[in-house]
Amino acid sequence: MPEKVVIIGSGPAGWTAAIYAARANLQPLLFEGAITEKNAQQQTLPLGQLNLTTEVENYPGTPVGKTREYLASALKGDRIPYWVQAEKAQPSHGINGPELMELMRQQALNFGTRVETDDIVKANFQKHPFELSTLAGHFVEALTVIVATGARANYLGLPSEKKFFNNGVSACAVCDGALPRFRNKPLVVVGGGDSAVEEATYLTKFANPVYMVHRRDTLRASKIMAERALNNPRIQMKWNSKLLEVIGDEAKGVTGARLENVQTGSKEVVESAGVFLAIGHTPNTDFLDGQLALTDKGYIKWTTPARTYTSVAGVFAAGDVADDYYRQAITAAGTGCMAALDAERWLAERGHH
């Protein structure tokens, strides 16, 4: 018997889709991803990118408060996080990313979502019901599929970059730039495209100066965006330069960045409370094997305005795997809701309730 709805992915989009599908009595089956070394290296473990984030201040309904007490009562058994048991200090604002994701997961389970800790490694969308194969060797048929596999931020691969991840190293200015640790401090943005200019410009609301580190002597960004950076008195360009090392300590986190001039080989250290990587994202679409239409940036293409439809009828996309613009937890959750409603209506039109 085919599943009515299979959801692939366990970030805000996936869990929101699961909550809505379960409340619609569609008995969704969600694949949250496998716990493997490859997924750890790619940062694609269960619970998505938000599970790798510390403070989350911008998700509605999660102000600072008695979140820990609620977590301890809402979660079950070994899902109660160690930081709740250990009474680890809570963020001064908002909630920790892993806490928020655990709450989403538990809410989906409360409504009857079934969860498999496994990866979908192959999909056949050329026939219906759709066929899905897992890393563990299982086979699943589905009447509808919601792809919510997200996109992972690109990093340089420096050991120091990894060491200070979420302790001053970030790939999302909108997510993290307003945190107290960065306010009125110098910051570094690595990159030279439109995204890098957007990140740097956003950070100037809180930080001064913002150093833009770029390997060339001109920005790759569009002319209007480049002018925006060059005319901003709070942005200082570090031309022909690359990030060599993130500097800091465990207590303070990032305190500086070591740069190298790619032409002369000379090195300098700039004081910085944070390093923001703006060198792009990679949507997690490899398992699709080209069966869904993608944008020129490799994201799943939504084929109908204000809908989560893809190029294959019955397959829907939600979250960052289809969104290269906003990439926020709240927008991902919104499209997860949309995808579940789209799937429910698609099924109803074909007599499946």
C-alpha atoms as a PDB file:
ATOM      1  CA  MET A   1       0.000   0.000   0.000  1.00  0.00           C
ATOM      2  CA  PRO A   2       1.610   3.292  -1.037  1.00  0.00           C
ATOM      3  CA  GLU A   3       2.157   6.024   1.528  1.00  0.00           C
ATOM      4  CA  LYS A   4      -0.095   9.028   1.013  1.00  0.00           C
ATOM      5  CA  VAL A   5       2.650  11.547   1.851  1.00  0.00           C
ATOM      6  CA  VAL A   6       6.379  11.014   2.206  1.00  0.00           C
ATOM      7  CA  ILE A   7       8.410  13.963   3.481  1.00  0.00           C
ATOM      8  CA  ILE A   8      12.150  14.030   2.852  1.00  0.00           C
ATOM      9  CA  GLY A   9      14.009  16.311   5.248  1.00  0.00           C
ATOM     10  CA  SER A  10      13.828  17.318   8.895  1.00  0.00           C
ATOM     11  CA  GLY A  11      14.330  21.069   9.075  1.00  0.00           C
ATOM     12  CA  PRO A  12      11.572  23.595   9.799  1.00  0.00           C
ATOM     13  CA  ALA A  13       9.998  22.934   6.375  1.00  0.00           C
ATOM     14  CA  GLY A  14       9.888  19.180   6.861  1.00  0.00           C
ATOM     15  CA  TRP A  15       8.455  19.222  10.378  1.00  0.00           C
ATOM     16  CA  THR A  16       5.866  21.870   9.532  1.00  0.00           C
ATOM     17  CA  ALA A  17       4.762  19.851   6.516  1.00  0.00           C
ATOM     18  CA  ALA A  18       4.516  16.805   8.769  1.00  0.00           C
ATOM     19  CA  ILE A  19       2.392  18.635  11.352  1.00  0.00           C
ATOM     20  CA  TYR A  20      -0.073  19.840   8.721  1.00  0.00           C
ATOM     21  CA  ALA A  21      -0.190  16.514   6.867  1.00  0.00           C
ATOM     22  CA  ALA A  22      -0.701  14.565  10.095  1.00  0.00           C
ATOM     23  CA  ARG A  23      -3.509  16.875  11.226  1.00  0.00           C
ATOM     24  CA  ALA A  24      -5.129  16.273   7.830  1.00  0.00           C
ATOM     25  CA  ASN A  25      -5.112  12.548   8.637  1.00  0.00           C
ATOM     26  CA  LEU A  26      -2.652  11.729   5.833  1.00  0.00           C
ATOM     27  CA  GLN A  27      -0.405   9.600   8.082  1.00  0.00           C
ATOM     28  CA  PRO A  28       2.830  11.155   6.786  1.00  0.00           C
ATOM     29  CA  LEU A  29       6.114   9.275   6.792  1.00  0.00           C
ATOM     30  CA  LEU A  30       9.126  11.531   7.275  1.00  0.00           C
ATOM     31  CA  PHE A  31      12.732  10.608   6.526  1.00  0.00           C
ATOM     32  CA  GLU A  32      14.849  12.772   8.813  1.00  0.00           C
ATOM     33  CA  GLY A  33      18.223  11.659   7.438  1.00  0.00           C
ATOM     34  CA  ALA A  34      20.800   9.123   8.509  1.00  0.00           C
ATOM     35  CA  ILE A  35      23.446   9.606  11.179  1.00  0.00           C
ATOM     36  CA  THR A  36      26.579   9.039   9.110  1.00  0.00           C
ATOM     37  CA  GLU A  37      30.060  10.543   8.924  1.00  0.00           C
ATOM     38  CA  LYS A  38      29.301  11.897   5.461  1.00  0.00           C
ATOM     39  CA  ASN A  39      26.206  13.709   6.722  1.00  0.00           C
ATOM     40  CA  ALA A  40      28.164  15.071   9.675  1.00  0.00           C
ATOM     41  CA  GLN A  41      30.827  16.484   7.367  1.00  0.00           C
ATOM     42  CA  GLN A  42      28.204  17.981   5.043  1.00  0.00           C
ATOM     43  CA  GLN A  43      26.165  19.286   7.974  1.00  0.00           C
ATOM     44  CA  THR A  44      23.120  17.351   6.767  1.00  0.00           C
ATOM     45  CA  LEU A  45      22.367  15.383   9.916  1.00  0.00           C
ATOM     46  CA  PRO A  46      18.798  15.047  11.267  1.00  0.00           C
ATOM     47  CA  LEU A  47      17.036  18.258  12.359  1.00  0.00           C
ATOM     48  CA  GLY A  48      18.623  20.367   9.640  1.00  0.00           C
ATOM     49  CA  GLN A  49      20.781  23.499   9.655  1.00  0.00           C
ATOM     50  CA  LEU A  50      18.915  25.050  12.572  1.00  0.00           C
ATOM     51  CA  ASN A  51      20.156  22.205  14.759  1.00  0.00           C
ATOM     52  CA  LEU A  52      23.659  23.628  14.226  1.00  0.00           C
ATOM     53  CA  THR A  53      22.656  27.106  15.392  1.00  0.00           C
ATOM     54  CA  THR A  54      22.958  28.437  18.925  1.00  0.00           C
ATOM     55  CA  GLU A  55      20.835  31.503  19.621  1.00  0.00           C
ATOM     56  CA  VAL A  56      17.618  31.875  17.590  1.00  0.00           C
ATOM     57  CA  GLU A  57      16.038  35.271  18.292  1.00  0.00           C
ATOM     58  CA  ASN A  58      13.852  35.732  15.229  1.00  0.00           C
ATOM     59  CA  TYR A  59      11.468  32.773  15.329  1.00  0.00           C
ATOM     60  CA  PRO A  60       8.038  34.031  16.454  1.00  0.00           C
ATOM     61  CA  GLY A  61       6.759  32.647  19.725  1.00  0.00           C
ATOM     62  CA  THR A  62      10.155  31.814  21.206  1.00  0.00           C
ATOM     63  CA  PRO A  63      11.170  34.751  23.402  1.00  0.00           C
ATOM     64  CA  VAL A  64      13.446  34.207  26.343  1.00  0.00           C
ATOM     65  CA  GLY A  65      11.489  32.444  29.060  1.00  0.00           C
ATOM     66  CA  LYS A  66      10.834  29.034  30.570  1.00  0.00           C
ATOM     67  CA  THR A  67      11.637  27.128  27.386  1.00  0.00           C
ATOM     68  CA  ARG A  68      13.810  24.637  29.274  1.00  0.00           C
ATOM     69  CA  GLU A  69      11.040  23.714  31.672  1.00  0.00           C
ATOM     70  CA  TYR A  70       8.672  23.135  28.764  1.00  0.00           C
ATOM     71  CA  LEU A  71      11.217  21.040  26.894  1.00  0.00           C
ATOM     72  CA  ALA A  72      11.744  18.792  29.890  1.00  0.00           C
ATOM     73  CA  SER A  73       8.008  18.110  30.062  1.00  0.00           C
ATOM     74  CA  ALA A  74       7.249  18.014  26.317  1.00  0.00           C
ATOM     75  CA  LEU A  75       9.943  15.662  25.054  1.00  0.00           C
ATOM     76  CA  LYS A  76      10.087  11.952  25.621  1.00  0.00           C
ATOM     77  CA  GLY A  77      12.820   9.720  27.025  1.00  0.00           C
ATOM     78  CA  ASP A  78      16.228  10.015  25.411  1.00  0.00           C
ATOM     79  CA  ARG A  79      15.043  12.946  23.276  1.00  0.00           C
ATOM     80  CA  ILE A  80      15.374  15.244  26.321  1.00  0.00           C
ATOM     81  CA  PRO A  81      18.558  17.121  25.381  1.00  0.00           C
ATOM     82  CA  TYR A  82      21.603  16.970  27.604  1.00  0.00           C
ATOM     83  CA  TRP A  83      21.603  20.742  28.032  1.00  0.00           C
ATOM     84  CA  VAL A  84      18.164  20.536  29.639  1.00  0.00           C
ATOM     85  CA  GLN A  85      19.317  17.832  32.004  1.00  0.00           C
ATOM     86  CA  ALA A  86      22.527  19.698  32.784  1.00  0.00           C
ATOM     87  CA  GLU A  87      20.730  23.042  33.181  1.00  0.00           C
ATOM     88  CA  LYS A  88      23.109  24.668  30.730  1.00  0.00           C
ATOM     89  CA  ALA A  89      22.666  28.428  30.545  1.00  0.00           C
ATOM     90  CA  GLN A  90      19.904  29.527  28.200  1.00  0.00           C
ATOM     91  CA  PRO A  91      20.494  32.250  25.587  1.00  0.00           C
ATOM     92  CA  SER A  92      19.832  35.764  26.803  1.00  0.00           C
ATOM     93  CA  HIS A  93      17.303  36.090  23.975  1.00  0.00           C
ATOM     94  CA  GLY A  94      15.267  33.492  22.131  1.00  0.00           C
ATOM     95  CA  ILE A  95      15.957  29.780  22.104  1.00  0.00           C
ATOM     96  CA  ASN A  96      18.741  27.454  21.043  1.00  0.00           C
ATOM     97  CA  GLY A  97      18.397  26.020  17.540  1.00  0.00           C
ATOM     98  CA  PRO A  98      18.460  22.372  18.688  1.00  0.00           C
ATOM     99  CA  GLU A  99      15.762  23.104  21.261  1.00  0.00           C
ATOM    100  CA  LEU A 100      13.504  24.647  18.651  1.00  0.00           C
ATOM    101  CA  MET A 101      14.023  21.684  16.333  1.00  0.00           C
ATOM    102  CA  GLU A 102      13.313  19.163  19.084  1.00  0.00           C
ATOM    103  CA  LEU A 103      10.042  20.949  19.815  1.00  0.00           C
ATOM    104  CA  MET A 104       9.065  20.867  16.123  1.00  0.00           C
ATOM    105  CA  ARG A 105       9.919  17.173  15.918  1.00  0.00           C
ATOM    106  CA  GLN A 106       7.916  16.329  19.032  1.00  0.00           C
ATOM    107  CA  GLN A 107       4.922  18.327  17.800  1.00  0.00           C
ATOM    108  CA  ALA A 108       4.931  16.338  14.559  1.00  0.00           C
ATOM    109  CA  LEU A 109       5.148  13.066  16.519  1.00  0.00           C
ATOM    110  CA  ASN A 110       2.280  14.141  18.769  1.00  0.00           C
ATOM    111  CA  PHE A 111      -0.010  14.194  15.729  1.00  0.00           C
ATOM    112  CA  GLY A 112       1.089  10.769  14.526  1.00  0.00           C
ATOM    113  CA  THR A 113       3.935  11.445  12.093  1.00  0.00           C
ATOM    114  CA  ARG A 114       6.096   8.377  11.571  1.00  0.00           C
ATOM    115  CA  VAL A 115       9.819   9.081  11.426  1.00  0.00           C
ATOM    116  CA  GLU A 116      12.628   7.067   9.871  1.00  0.00           C
ATOM    117  CA  THR A 117      16.238   7.979  10.687  1.00  0.00           C
ATOM    118  CA  ASP A 118      17.373   7.142   7.171  1.00  0.00           C
ATOM    119  CA  ASP A 119      18.346   8.878   3.927  1.00  0.00           C
ATOM    120  CA  ILE A 120      16.470   8.727   0.644  1.00  0.00           C
ATOM    121  CA  VAL A 121      19.283   8.011  -1.807  1.00  0.00           C
ATOM    122  CA  LYS A 122      17.260   7.409  -4.968  1.00  0.00           C
ATOM    123  CA  ALA A 123      13.889   8.491  -6.277  1.00  0.00           C
ATOM    124  CA  ASN A 124      11.875   7.380  -9.289  1.00  0.00           C
ATOM    125  CA  PHE A 125       9.413  10.086 -10.274  1.00  0.00           C
ATOM    126  CA  GLN A 126       8.866   8.638 -13.743  1.00  0.00           C
ATOM    127  CA  LYS A 127       6.068   6.351 -12.537  1.00  0.00           C
ATOM    128  CA  HIS A 128       3.208   6.676 -10.065  1.00  0.00           C
ATOM    129  CA  PRO A 129       3.081   5.761  -7.232  1.00  0.00           C
ATOM    130  CA  PHE A 130       6.572   7.211  -6.858  1.00  0.00           C
ATOM    131  CA  GLU A 131       9.367   4.906  -5.766  1.00  0.00           C
ATOM    132  CA  LEU A 132      11.926   5.824  -3.117  1.00  0.00           C
ATOM    133  CA  SER A 133      14.996   3.873  -2.024  1.00  0.00           C
ATOM    134  CA  THR A 134      16.789   4.417   1.286  1.00  0.00           C
ATOM    135  CA  LEU A 135      20.388   4.179   2.414  1.00  0.00           C
ATOM    136  CA  ALA A 136      19.457   1.234   4.637  1.00  0.00           C
ATOM    137  CA  GLY A 137      18.118  -0.652   1.612  1.00  0.00           C
ATOM    138  CA  HIS A 138      14.402  -0.146   2.139  1.00  0.00           C
ATOM    139  CA  PHE A 139      11.878   0.605  -0.591  1.00  0.00           C
ATOM    140  CA  VAL A 140       8.884   2.920  -0.249  1.00  0.00           C
ATOM    141  CA  GLU A 141       6.034   3.830  -2.598  1.00  0.00           C
ATOM    142  CA  ALA A 142       4.354   7.220  -2.266  1.00  0.00           C
ATOM    143  CA  LEU A 143       1.355   8.951  -3.794  1.00  0.00           C
ATOM    144  CA  THR A 144       2.903  12.361  -3.045  1.00  0.00           C
ATOM    145  CA  VAL A 145       6.388  13.456  -2.012  1.00  0.00           C
ATOM    146  CA  ILE A 146       7.455  16.660  -0.279  1.00  0.00           C
ATOM    147  CA  VAL A 147      11.142  17.414  -0.795  1.00  0.00           C
ATOM    148  CA  ALA A 148      12.425  19.501   2.111  1.00  0.00           C
ATOM    149  CA  THR A 149      16.105  18.596   2.105  1.00  0.00           C
ATOM    150  CA  GLY A 150      17.408  22.145   2.517  1.00  0.00           C
ATOM    151  CA  ALA A 151      20.653  23.704   1.363  1.00  0.00           C
ATOM    152  CA  ARG A 152      23.996  23.662   3.109  1.00  0.00           C
ATOM    153  CA  ALA A 153      26.212  26.719   3.401  1.00  0.00           C
ATOM    154  CA  ASN A 154      29.554  26.588   1.625  1.00  0.00           C
ATOM    155  CA  TYR A 155      32.634  26.937   3.807  1.00  0.00           C
ATOM    156  CA  LEU A 156      36.328  27.241   3.038  1.00  0.00           C
ATOM    157  CA  GLY A 157      37.267  24.090   4.936  1.00  0.00           C
ATOM    158  CA  LEU A 158      39.703  25.730   7.341  1.00  0.00           C
ATOM    159  CA  PRO A 159      40.235  23.888  10.661  1.00  0.00           C
ATOM    160  CA  SER A 160      39.868  27.189  12.539  1.00  0.00           C
ATOM    161  CA  GLU A 161      36.640  27.892  10.676  1.00  0.00           C
ATOM    162  CA  LYS A 162      35.204  24.622  11.950  1.00  0.00           C
ATOM    163  CA  LYS A 163      36.596  25.210  15.446  1.00  0.00           C
ATOM    164  CA  PHE A 164      34.703  28.483  15.865  1.00  0.00           C
ATOM    165  CA  PHE A 165      31.522  27.498  14.026  1.00  0.00           C
ATOM    166  CA  ASN A 166      28.627  29.042  15.972  1.00  0.00           C
ATOM    167  CA  ASN A 167      31.153  30.703  18.251  1.00  0.00           C
ATOM    168  CA  GLY A 168      31.654  33.695  15.982  1.00  0.00           C
ATOM    169  CA  VAL A 169      31.725  31.949  12.582  1.00  0.00           C
ATOM    170  CA  SER A 170      28.442  32.093  10.673  1.00  0.00           C
ATOM    171  CA  ALA A 171      27.034  31.855   7.173  1.00  0.00           C
ATOM    172  CA  CYS A 172      23.906  33.936   7.792  1.00  0.00           C
ATOM    173  CA  ALA A 173      24.053  37.615   8.703  1.00  0.00           C
ATOM    174  CA  VAL A 174      20.267  37.937   8.950  1.00  0.00           C
ATOM    175  CA  CYS A 175      20.177  34.973  11.343  1.00  0.00           C
ATOM    176  CA  ASP A 176      23.045  36.008  13.591  1.00  0.00           C
ATOM    177  CA  GLY A 177      24.124  39.581  12.877  1.00  0.00           C
ATOM    178  CA  ALA A 178      21.952  41.209  15.542  1.00  0.00           C
ATOM    179  CA  LEU A 179      23.283  39.026  18.358  1.00  0.00           C
ATOM    180  CA  PRO A 180      24.840  40.996  21.234  1.00  0.00           C
ATOM    181  CA  ARG A 181      28.266  39.426  20.629  1.00  0.00           C
ATOM    182  CA  PHE A 182      28.543  41.238  17.282  1.00  0.00           C
ATOM    183  CA  ARG A 183      27.092  44.634  18.147  1.00  0.00           C
ATOM    184  CA  ASN A 184      29.412  47.618  17.768  1.00  0.00           C
ATOM    185  CA  LYS A 185      32.302  45.293  16.949  1.00  0.00           C
ATOM    186  CA  PRO A 186      34.368  44.886  13.773  1.00  0.00           C
ATOM    187  CA  LEU A 187      33.289  41.954  11.594  1.00  0.00           C
ATOM    188  CA  VAL A 188      34.644  40.121   8.544  1.00  0.00           C
ATOM    189  CA  VAL A 189      32.608  39.034   5.516  1.00  0.00           C
ATOM    190  CA  VAL A 190      34.265  36.660   3.047  1.00  0.00           C
ATOM    191  CA  GLY A 191      33.041  36.866  -0.545  1.00  0.00           C
ATOM    192  CA  GLY A 192      32.594  39.243  -3.444  1.00  0.00           C
ATOM    193  CA  GLY A 193      29.206  38.508  -5.000  1.00  0.00           C
ATOM    194  CA  ASP A 194      25.749  39.969  -4.473  1.00  0.00           C
ATOM    195  CA  SER A 195      25.180  37.786  -1.408  1.00  0.00           C
ATOM    196  CA  ALA A 196      28.400  39.003   0.183  1.00  0.00           C
ATOM    197  CA  VAL A 197      27.412  42.644  -0.390  1.00  0.00           C
ATOM    198  CA  GLU A 198      23.969  41.986   1.056  1.00  0.00           C
ATOM    199  CA  GLU A 199      25.501  40.325   4.121  1.00  0.00           C
ATOM    200  CA  ALA A 200      28.035  43.104   4.629  1.00  0.00           C
ATOM    201  CA  THR A 201      25.452  45.846   4.162  1.00  0.00           C
ATOM    202  CA  TYR A 202      23.088  44.197   6.619  1.00  0.00           C
ATOM    203  CA  LEU A 203      25.863  43.854   9.203  1.00  0.00           C
ATOM    204  CA  THR A 204      26.637  47.573   9.057  1.00  0.00           C
ATOM    205  CA  LYS A 205      23.372  48.104  10.936  1.00  0.00           C
ATOM    206  CA  PHE A 206      25.095  46.648  13.989  1.00  0.00           C
ATOM    207  CA  ALA A 207      28.858  46.547  13.392  1.00  0.00           C
ATOM    208  CA  ASN A 208      31.608  48.961  12.456  1.00  0.00           C
ATOM    209  CA  PRO A 209      33.706  48.432  10.459  1.00  0.00           C
ATOM    210  CA  VAL A 210      32.745  45.470   8.290  1.00  0.00           C
ATOM    211  CA  TYR A 211      35.728  44.133   6.346  1.00  0.00           C
ATOM    212  CA  MET A 212      34.907  42.533   2.996  1.00  0.00           C
ATOM    213  CA  VAL A 213      37.587  40.003   2.105  1.00  0.00           C
ATOM    214  CA  HIS A 214      37.749  39.244  -1.620  1.00  0.00           C
ATOM    215  CA  ARG A 215      40.360  37.439  -3.688  1.00  0.00           C
ATOM    216  CA  ARG A 216      40.128  39.905  -6.586  1.00  0.00           C
ATOM    217  CA  ASP A 217      40.519  43.654  -6.967  1.00  0.00           C
ATOM    218  CA  THR A 218      36.933  44.129  -8.135  1.00  0.00           C
ATOM    219  CA  LEU A 219      33.669  42.729  -6.802  1.00  0.00           C
ATOM    220  CA  ARG A 220      31.797  40.016  -8.686  1.00  0.00           C
ATOM    221  CA  ALA A 221      28.552  41.584  -7.538  1.00  0.00           C
ATOM    222  CA  SER A 222      26.263  43.431  -9.932  1.00  0.00           C
ATOM    223  CA  LYS A 223      27.197  47.058 -10.537  1.00  0.00           C
ATOM    224  CA  ILE A 224      24.459  48.494  -8.344  1.00  0.00           C
ATOM    225  CA  MET A 225      25.330  46.131  -5.503  1.00  0.00           C
ATOM    226  CA  ALA A 226      29.058  46.798  -5.841  1.00  0.00           C
ATOM    227  CA  GLU A 227      28.428  50.540  -5.639  1.00  0.00           C
ATOM    228  CA  ARG A 228      26.369  50.005  -2.527  1.00  0.00           C
ATOM    229  CA  ALA A 229      29.326  48.358  -0.807  1.00  0.00           C
ATOM    230  CA  LEU A 230      31.948  50.781  -2.073  1.00  0.00           C
ATOM    231  CA  ASN A 231      29.897  53.802  -1.020  1.00  0.00           C
ATOM    232  CA  ASN A 232      29.138  52.510   2.466  1.00  0.00           C
ATOM    233  CA  PRO A 233      31.486  54.225   4.949  1.00  0.00           C
ATOM    234  CA  ARG A 234      31.213  51.296   7.340  1.00  0.00           C
ATOM    235  CA  ILE A 235      32.487  48.764   4.785  1.00  0.00           C
ATOM    236  CA  GLN A 236      36.238  48.466   4.276  1.00  0.00           C
ATOM    237  CA  MET A 237      37.501  46.424   1.344  1.00  0.00           C
ATOM    238  CA  LYS A 238      40.320  43.929   1.702  1.00  0.00           C
ATOM    239  CA  TRP A 239      41.180  43.417  -1.960  1.00  0.00           C
ATOM    240  CA  ASN A 240      43.233  40.512  -3.344  1.00  0.00           C
ATOM    241  CA  SER A 241      42.940  38.793   0.003  1.00  0.00           C
ATOM    242  CA  LYS A 242      41.852  35.476   1.397  1.00  0.00           C
ATOM    243  CA  LEU A 243      40.984  34.247   4.860  1.00  0.00           C
ATOM    244  CA  LEU A 244      43.922  32.257   6.181  1.00  0.00           C
ATOM    245  CA  GLU A 245      42.819  31.592   9.749  1.00  0.00           C
ATOM    246  CA  VAL A 246      40.065  32.452  12.216  1.00  0.00           C
ATOM    247  CA  ILE A 247      41.573  33.615  15.496  1.00  0.00           C
ATOM    248  CA  GLY A 248      39.997  33.366  18.926  1.00  0.00           C
ATOM    249  CA  ASP A 249      39.620  31.338  22.084  1.00  0.00           C
ATOM    250  CA  GLU A 250      36.966  29.133  23.600  1.00  0.00           C
ATOM    251  CA  ALA A 251      35.774  31.710  26.109  1.00  0.00           C
ATOM    252  CA  LYS A 252      35.437  34.731  23.797  1.00  0.00           C
ATOM    253  CA  GLY A 253      34.947  32.947  20.509  1.00  0.00           C
ATOM    254  CA  VAL A 254      36.239  34.770  17.438  1.00  0.00           C
ATOM    255  CA  THR A 255      38.525  37.712  18.183  1.00  0.00           C
ATOM    256  CA  GLY A 256      40.173  38.234  14.805  1.00  0.00           C
ATOM    257  CA  ALA A 257      41.015  36.978  11.342  1.00  0.00           C
ATOM    258  CA  ARG A 258      44.368  36.346   9.694  1.00  0.00           C
ATOM    259  CA  LEU A 259      44.354  37.409   6.045  1.00  0.00           C
ATOM    260  CA  GLU A 260      46.815  36.814   3.233  1.00  0.00           C
ATOM    261  CA  ASN A 261      47.326  38.943   0.143  1.00  0.00           C
ATOM    262  CA  VAL A 262      47.114  36.518  -2.781  1.00  0.00           C
ATOM    263  CA  GLN A 263      49.445  38.669  -4.921  1.00  0.00           C
ATOM    264  CA  THR A 264      52.208  39.539  -2.483  1.00  0.00           C
ATOM    265  CA  GLY A 265      51.849  36.809   0.125  1.00  0.00           C
ATOM    266  CA  SER A 266      51.894  39.389   2.914  1.00  0.00           C
ATOM    267  CA  LYS A 267      49.766  38.640   5.969  1.00  0.00           C
ATOM    268  CA  GLU A 268      47.819  40.768   8.403  1.00  0.00           C
ATOM    269  CA  VAL A 269      45.536  40.234  11.376  1.00  0.00           C
ATOM    270  CA  VAL A 270      42.345  42.273  11.696  1.00  0.00           C
ATOM    271  CA  GLU A 271      40.396  42.495  14.908  1.00  0.00           C
ATOM    272  CA  SER A 272      36.952  40.956  14.482  1.00  0.00           C
ATOM    273  CA  ALA A 273      34.218  39.547  16.691  1.00  0.00           C
ATOM    274  CA  GLY A 274      32.888  37.398  13.885  1.00  0.00           C
ATOM    275  CA  VAL A 275      33.575  35.926  10.460  1.00  0.00           C
ATOM    276  CA  PHE A 276      30.665  35.585   8.046  1.00  0.00           C
ATOM    277  CA  LEU A 277      31.078  33.299   5.029  1.00  0.00           C
ATOM    278  CA  ALA A 278      29.132  34.511   2.001  1.00  0.00           C
ATOM    279  CA  ILE A 279      30.396  32.146  -0.662  1.00  0.00           C
ATOM    280  CA  GLY A 280      27.131  30.494  -1.550  1.00  0.00           C
ATOM    281  CA  HIS A 281      24.976  27.519  -0.631  1.00  0.00           C
ATOM    282  CA  THR A 282      24.582  24.050  -2.126  1.00  0.00           C
ATOM    283  CA  PRO A 283      21.003  22.720  -2.287  1.00  0.00           C
ATOM    284  CA  ASN A 284      20.699  19.061  -1.316  1.00  0.00           C
ATOM    285  CA  THR A 285      19.315  17.692  -4.577  1.00  0.00           C
ATOM    286  CA  ASP A 286      21.841  15.045  -5.657  1.00  0.00           C
ATOM    287  CA  PHE A 287      19.470  12.141  -4.955  1.00  0.00           C
ATOM    288  CA  LEU A 288      16.952  13.552  -7.449  1.00  0.00           C
ATOM    289  CA  ASP A 289      19.244  12.668 -10.347  1.00  0.00           C
ATOM    290  CA  GLY A 290      17.905  15.464 -12.535  1.00  0.00           C
ATOM    291  CA  GLN A 291      14.270  14.369 -12.400  1.00  0.00           C
ATOM    292  CA  LEU A 292      12.978  17.734 -11.186  1.00  0.00           C
ATOM    293  CA  ALA A 293      13.539  21.015 -12.984  1.00  0.00           C
ATOM    294  CA  LEU A 294      16.112  23.173 -11.199  1.00  0.00           C
ATOM    295  CA  THR A 295      16.922  26.865 -11.332  1.00  0.00           C
ATOM    296  CA  ASP A 296      20.212  28.085 -12.755  1.00  0.00           C
ATOM    297  CA  LYS A 297      21.563  28.020  -9.186  1.00  0.00           C
ATOM    298  CA  GLY A 298      20.599  24.376  -8.715  1.00  0.00           C
ATOM    299  CA  TYR A 299      17.553  24.892  -6.506  1.00  0.00           C
ATOM    300  CA  ILE A 300      14.276  23.061  -7.165  1.00  0.00           C
ATOM    301  CA  LYS A 301      12.109  25.253  -9.362  1.00  0.00           C
ATOM    302  CA  TRP A 302       8.622  26.137  -8.192  1.00  0.00           C
ATOM    303  CA  THR A 303       6.623  25.956 -11.397  1.00  0.00           C
ATOM    304  CA  THR A 304       3.501  27.850 -10.299  1.00  0.00           C
ATOM    305  CA  PRO A 305       3.405  31.214  -8.492  1.00  0.00           C
ATOM    306  CA  ALA A 306       2.345  30.987  -4.828  1.00  0.00           C
ATOM    307  CA  ARG A 307       2.413  27.184  -4.958  1.00  0.00           C
ATOM    308  CA  THR A 308       5.035  24.593  -4.037  1.00  0.00           C
ATOM    309  CA  TYR A 309       4.476  22.608  -7.238  1.00  0.00           C
ATOM    310  CA  THR A 310       7.513  21.187  -9.010  1.00  0.00           C
ATOM    311  CA  SER A 311       7.904  20.013 -12.583  1.00  0.00           C
ATOM    312  CA  VAL A 312       6.468  16.595 -11.599  1.00  0.00           C
ATOM    313  CA  ALA A 313       2.814  16.502 -10.583  1.00  0.00           C
ATOM    314  CA  GLY A 314       2.472  15.143  -7.064  1.00  0.00           C
ATOM    315  CA  VAL A 315       5.980  16.179  -6.007  1.00  0.00           C
ATOM    316  CA  PHE A 316       6.251  19.350  -3.948  1.00  0.00           C
ATOM    317  CA  ALA A 317       9.239  21.287  -2.639  1.00  0.00           C
ATOM    318  CA  ALA A 318       9.526  23.256   0.594  1.00  0.00           C
ATOM    319  CA  GLY A 319      12.169  25.240   2.407  1.00  0.00           C
ATOM    320  CA  ASP A 320      15.692  26.153   1.413  1.00  0.00           C
ATOM    321  CA  VAL A 321      15.988  23.454  -1.241  1.00  0.00           C
ATOM    322  CA  ALA A 322      13.720  25.687  -3.341  1.00  0.00           C
ATOM    323  CA  ASP A 323      14.509  29.098  -1.829  1.00  0.00           C
ATOM    324  CA  ASP A 324      17.827  30.789  -2.610  1.00  0.00           C
ATOM    325  CA  TYR A 325      16.634  34.214  -1.479  1.00  0.00           C
ATOM    326  CA  TYR A 326      15.200  34.272   2.040  1.00  0.00           C
ATOM    327  CA  ARG A 327      16.687  31.110   3.620  1.00  0.00           C
ATOM    328  CA  GLN A 328      15.089  31.706   7.029  1.00  0.00           C
ATOM    329  CA  ALA A 329      13.552  29.215   9.436  1.00  0.00           C
ATOM    330  CA  ILE A 330      10.227  31.033   9.399  1.00  0.00           C
ATOM    331  CA  THR A 331       9.983  31.149   5.599  1.00  0.00           C
ATOM    332  CA  ALA A 332      10.958  27.469   5.400  1.00  0.00           C
ATOM    333  CA  ALA A 333       8.229  26.597   7.884  1.00  0.00           C
ATOM    334  CA  GLY A 334       5.755  28.643   5.852  1.00  0.00           C
ATOM    335  CA  THR A 335       6.474  26.764   2.655  1.00  0.00           C
ATOM    336  CA  GLY A 336       6.333  23.496   4.594  1.00  0.00           C
ATOM    337  CA  CYS A 337       2.756  24.380   5.509  1.00  0.00           C
ATOM    338  CA  MET A 338       2.037  25.282   1.881  1.00  0.00           C
ATOM    339  CA  ALA A 339       3.493  22.013   0.586  1.00  0.00           C
ATOM    340  CA  ALA A 340       1.373  19.928   2.960  1.00  0.00           C
ATOM    341  CA  LEU A 341      -1.774  21.789   1.930  1.00  0.00           C
ATOM    342  CA  ASP A 342      -0.839  21.465  -1.740  1.00  0.00           C
ATOM    343  CA  ALA A 343      -0.282  17.711  -1.300  1.00  0.00           C
ATOM    344  CA  GLU A 344      -3.560  17.268   0.599  1.00  0.00           C
ATOM    345  CA  ARG A 345      -5.554  19.058  -2.105  1.00  0.00           C
ATOM    346  CA  TRP A 346      -3.749  17.187  -4.876  1.00  0.00           C
ATOM    347  CA  LEU A 347      -4.669  13.887  -3.213  1.00  0.00           C
ATOM    348  CA  ALA A 348      -8.268  14.964  -2.589  1.00  0.00           C
ATOM    349  CA  GLU A 349      -8.745  15.852  -6.257  1.00  0.00           C
ATOM    350  CA  ARG A 350      -7.778  12.257  -7.058  1.00  0.00           C
ATOM    351  CA  GLY A 351     -10.030  10.644  -4.478  1.00  0.00           C
ATOM    352  CA  HIS A 352      -7.467  10.034  -1.739  1.00  0.00           C
ATOM    353  CA  HIS A 353      -8.517  11.242   1.696  1.00  0.00           C
END
